[in-house]
Structures are given as structure tokens and as C-alpha cells.
Protein backbone atom coordinates (compact mmCIF):
# COMPACT_ATOMS: atom_id res chain seq x y z
CA MET A 1 0.92 53.28 34.31
CA LYS A 2 0.81 50.36 31.89
CA ARG A 3 4.58 49.92 32.14
CA ASP A 4 4.39 49.96 35.94
CA SER A 5 1.67 47.32 35.81
CA ALA A 6 3.78 45.17 33.49
CA SER A 7 6.76 45.54 35.84
CA LEU A 8 4.64 44.48 38.81
CA ASP A 9 3.30 41.50 36.86
CA ALA A 10 6.85 40.43 35.92
CA PHE A 11 7.98 40.89 39.53
CA VAL A 12 5.16 38.70 40.86
CA PHE A 13 5.76 36.10 38.15
CA ALA A 14 9.48 35.86 38.99
CA ARG A 15 8.70 35.44 42.70
CA ARG A 16 5.58 33.30 42.43
CA GLY A 17 7.23 30.38 44.23
CA THR A 18 8.20 32.52 47.20
CA LEU A 19 4.79 34.16 47.35
CA LEU A 20 3.02 30.81 47.23
CA ALA A 21 5.26 29.49 50.02
CA ILE A 22 3.57 31.94 52.41
CA PRO A 23 0.28 29.98 52.61
CA ALA A 24 2.22 26.72 52.95
CA ALA A 25 4.20 28.18 55.86
CA ALA A 26 0.99 29.41 57.49
CA LEU A 27 -0.48 25.91 57.29
CA ALA A 28 2.69 24.37 58.71
CA VAL A 29 2.79 26.81 61.64
CA LEU A 30 -0.90 27.29 62.45
CA GLY A 31 -2.47 24.03 61.33
CA LYS A 32 -3.79 21.41 63.73
CA PRO A 33 -4.58 18.27 61.75
CA SER A 34 -6.97 15.49 62.67
CA ALA A 35 -7.09 11.92 61.39
CA PHE A 36 -10.25 12.75 59.45
CA SER A 37 -8.85 15.94 57.90
CA ILE A 38 -5.71 14.11 56.81
CA ALA A 39 -7.76 11.29 55.26
CA ALA A 40 -9.95 13.83 53.47
CA GLY A 41 -7.23 16.23 52.35
CA LEU A 42 -4.29 14.08 51.28
CA PRO A 43 -6.01 12.36 48.32
CA LEU A 44 -6.86 15.82 47.00
CA ALA A 45 -3.25 16.98 47.47
CA PHE A 46 -1.92 13.96 45.59
CA ALA A 47 -4.51 14.43 42.82
CA GLY A 48 -3.37 18.02 42.37
CA GLU A 49 0.26 16.96 42.11
CA ALA A 50 -0.71 14.29 39.55
CA ILE A 51 -2.42 16.97 37.44
CA ARG A 52 0.69 19.12 37.71
CA ALA A 53 3.04 16.26 36.71
CA TRP A 54 0.80 15.43 33.74
CA ALA A 55 0.98 19.06 32.60
CA VAL A 56 4.76 19.29 33.07
CA GLY A 57 5.16 16.20 30.89
CA TYR A 58 3.77 18.34 28.07
CA SER A 59 5.17 21.80 28.90
CA GLY A 60 8.66 20.78 30.07
CA VAL A 61 11.20 22.66 32.16
CA THR A 62 10.24 26.13 30.92
CA THR A 63 7.66 26.24 33.69
CA ARG A 64 10.47 26.97 36.17
CA SER A 65 11.78 30.12 34.51
CA ASP A 66 11.74 33.51 36.23
CA ALA A 67 10.43 35.09 33.01
CA VAL A 68 7.65 33.82 30.78
CA GLU A 69 8.90 31.62 27.96
CA ALA A 70 7.32 29.12 25.63
CA PRO A 71 9.23 27.55 22.74
CA ALA A 72 5.94 26.20 21.38
CA LEU A 73 2.23 26.57 22.05
CA VAL A 74 1.25 23.36 23.83
CA THR A 75 -2.42 22.47 23.45
CA ALA A 76 -2.39 18.69 24.02
CA GLY A 77 -2.86 16.57 27.15
CA PRO A 78 -4.33 18.58 30.03
CA TYR A 79 -3.89 21.75 27.97
CA ALA A 80 -6.66 20.47 25.70
CA TYR A 81 -9.07 20.81 28.64
CA VAL A 82 -7.83 23.93 30.43
CA ARG A 83 -5.27 26.61 29.57
CA ASN A 84 -3.61 26.59 33.01
CA PRO A 85 -3.44 22.97 34.23
CA LEU A 86 -0.33 23.65 36.31
CA TYR A 87 -2.17 26.26 38.34
CA VAL A 88 -5.30 24.13 38.59
CA GLY A 89 -3.10 21.33 39.93
CA ASN A 90 -1.41 23.69 42.39
CA PHE A 91 -4.76 24.95 43.63
CA VAL A 92 -6.12 21.42 44.11
CA THR A 93 -2.95 20.44 45.99
CA ALA A 94 -3.17 23.55 48.18
CA ALA A 95 -6.84 22.90 48.93
CA GLY A 96 -5.98 19.32 49.89
CA PHE A 97 -3.20 20.38 52.25
CA ALA A 98 -5.38 23.17 53.70
CA ILE A 99 -8.04 20.60 54.55
CA ALA A 100 -5.48 18.11 55.88
CA PHE A 101 -3.68 20.59 58.13
CA THR A 102 -6.67 22.26 59.78
CA GLY A 103 -9.00 19.52 61.01
CA SER A 104 -8.57 20.30 64.71
CA ASN A 105 -8.44 24.08 64.41
CA GLN A 106 -11.42 26.04 65.75
CA PRO A 107 -13.97 26.57 62.93
CA LEU A 108 -13.33 30.30 62.50
CA VAL A 109 -9.57 29.83 62.66
CA ARG A 110 -9.84 27.00 60.15
CA LEU A 111 -11.91 29.17 57.83
CA ALA A 112 -9.39 32.00 58.13
CA ILE A 113 -6.39 29.76 57.44
CA VAL A 114 -7.97 27.89 54.53
CA GLY A 115 -9.62 30.98 53.06
CA GLY A 116 -6.51 33.10 53.49
CA SER A 117 -4.24 30.47 51.95
CA LEU A 118 -6.42 30.01 48.89
CA ALA A 119 -6.97 33.79 48.58
CA VAL A 120 -3.21 34.34 48.33
CA MET A 121 -3.08 31.80 45.51
CA ILE A 122 -5.98 33.44 43.70
CA GLY A 123 -4.29 36.82 44.05
CA VAL A 124 -0.98 35.57 42.66
CA TYR A 125 -2.62 33.69 39.79
CA GLY A 126 -4.87 36.66 39.06
CA ILE A 127 -1.69 38.58 38.23
CA ILE A 128 0.49 36.00 36.54
CA ILE A 129 -2.08 34.32 34.27
CA PRO A 130 -2.85 37.54 32.33
CA HIS A 131 0.89 38.28 32.30
CA GLU A 132 1.59 34.91 30.67
CA GLU A 133 -1.27 35.30 28.23
CA THR A 134 0.03 38.68 27.09
CA PHE A 135 3.30 36.95 26.20
CA LEU A 136 1.52 34.06 24.46
CA ARG A 137 -0.63 36.42 22.40
CA ALA A 138 2.41 38.41 21.33
CA THR A 139 4.38 35.25 20.52
CA PHE A 140 1.79 32.99 18.88
CA GLY A 141 -0.81 35.49 17.66
CA ALA A 142 -3.83 33.93 15.98
CA ALA A 143 -2.88 30.42 17.09
CA PHE A 144 -3.16 31.45 20.73
CA GLU A 145 -6.36 33.41 20.08
CA ASP A 146 -7.95 30.31 18.51
CA TYR A 147 -6.77 28.20 21.42
CA ALA A 148 -8.08 30.67 24.01
CA ALA A 149 -11.43 30.80 22.24
CA SER A 150 -11.88 27.02 22.48
CA VAL A 151 -10.25 26.11 25.83
CA PRO A 152 -11.27 27.65 29.17
CA ARG A 153 -8.73 29.51 31.30
CA ILE A 154 -9.41 27.97 34.73
CA PHE A 155 -12.37 25.59 34.86
CA PRO A 156 -11.65 22.52 32.69
CA ALA A 157 -13.91 21.63 29.79
CA LEU A 158 -15.58 18.23 29.78
CA GLU A 159 -14.37 17.50 26.25
CA PRO A 160 -10.86 18.16 24.93
CA ALA A 161 -10.21 20.69 22.19
CA ALA A 162 -10.26 19.21 18.69
CA HIS A 163 -6.92 20.65 17.53
CA GLN A 164 -4.00 19.67 19.74
CA SER A 165 -0.24 20.09 19.49
CA GLY A 166 2.53 18.87 21.74
CA SER A 167 3.68 15.52 23.04
CA TYR A 168 4.13 13.92 26.44
CA ASP A 169 7.68 13.38 27.69
CA PRO A 170 7.76 11.87 31.20
CA SER A 171 11.55 12.20 31.35
CA VAL A 172 11.30 15.96 32.02
CA ILE A 173 9.09 15.57 35.10
CA GLY A 174 11.89 14.73 37.53
CA LYS A 175 14.00 17.71 36.49
CA ALA A 176 11.14 20.19 36.15
CA GLU A 177 9.39 19.10 39.33
CA SER A 178 12.31 18.55 41.70
CA ARG A 179 11.51 21.64 43.81
CA THR A 180 7.81 20.82 43.82
CA PHE A 181 8.51 17.27 44.98
CA ILE A 182 10.78 18.55 47.75
CA THR A 183 8.12 21.02 48.89
CA PHE A 184 5.43 18.35 48.71
CA GLY A 185 7.57 15.98 50.75
CA ALA A 186 8.29 18.68 53.31
CA MET A 187 4.59 19.36 53.69
CA LEU A 188 3.90 15.63 54.16
CA ALA A 189 6.64 15.37 56.77
CA THR A 190 5.35 18.44 58.63
CA LEU A 191 1.82 17.08 58.53
CA ALA A 192 3.00 13.76 59.95
CA LEU A 193 4.91 15.45 62.76
CA LYS A 194 1.97 17.66 63.66
CA ALA A 195 -0.40 14.70 63.58
CA LEU A 196 1.81 12.82 66.06
CA ARG A 197 1.63 15.75 68.47
CA VAL A 198 -2.14 16.09 68.39
């Protein structure tokens, strides 16, 4: 049973991008934006992408692999506040787009679209975060245990961890984030088109 669970976790991890595209597609198809919802949601979406880019500057291109890998345990930058800043950034971006796309939907439909979209993300992250942490524990041992004991998994700490390792390299962001930027741009374009039709 444990092996089956590990196989499922690895399967979900390898296809996380495809799985997380489902809520984005639902927003693009079902969403009915309003001027207010766009004004309220887009700053949140951009803030989430900024968090993600900050994190990628520390973690590098390994974040795009189909299998978990980590050449080093990064604990600096956003990783000093939260163990999963990429996923926090993704969630903030998704929440922003969910708000932006659904301003003119009926309240119950809006609730279903927003709630369903974020629930899919929570489900995917609920599988892949423990999967990643199993790898990190096996790879870095006590160093990861110490890190996990001092830095929260999801909700950022107000103060950074005292011991930090890793450095910021903005040159990796373009390469590591190219697909994310394309997806983000596509969502912006779709939102603009839908807004013109409302």
C-alpha cells in the first residue's frame, strides 16, 4: 500500500502542471469578469507571481523537473519564512485570477468556481508537498529536520529563520519561469477578451 501511495504521489507530482491547468481552464471558460473584480484580483495575481519569481531566484530551474530533485537545501530568501514559497505564490496568483474572472457570475456560481479552483490546488499540494518532504528528509536528514522545525510549511512566519543557506540568482528566473510567464500572459489575455465582451 505504501508503494502504491508513493507511486500515486510521484504521478501527481510529475503532472502537477497539467492538473493545475484544470482550474485555470475553468476560470477561462466559465468566468464573467467585472471591472471591480479585475481591479481587485489582478494585484493579487501579480503579487503571487512576484513571490514565485523571488523563490525561483533561490531554488533555480530544478523546480520544473518531473521528479523531485534538490542539489542543495535552500533556506534563504522566501524559504526563510515558509518552506513552500512557490506554492504559496501559486495559490495567491490563483486566488487573484479567481477573483478577477468571476465578478459578474451569479454568487453561487462564483462561489463554486472560486472554491472548486482553489480546492483542486489544495488537493494537488496536499499530495506533492509531503512527497517532496519525504525526498528532502531522505536527502538532507538532520539539516532538513532542523529547517522544518523552525520554518512553517504553508503559512509564512513573521520573522525569517536565523540560519539561512542559498543565494539569489535572478538570471535563472527567465529560464525557470518561461512556462509560468506564458500561462500568466494567456490568462491576462483571456481576461481582457472576456472583459471586452461583458
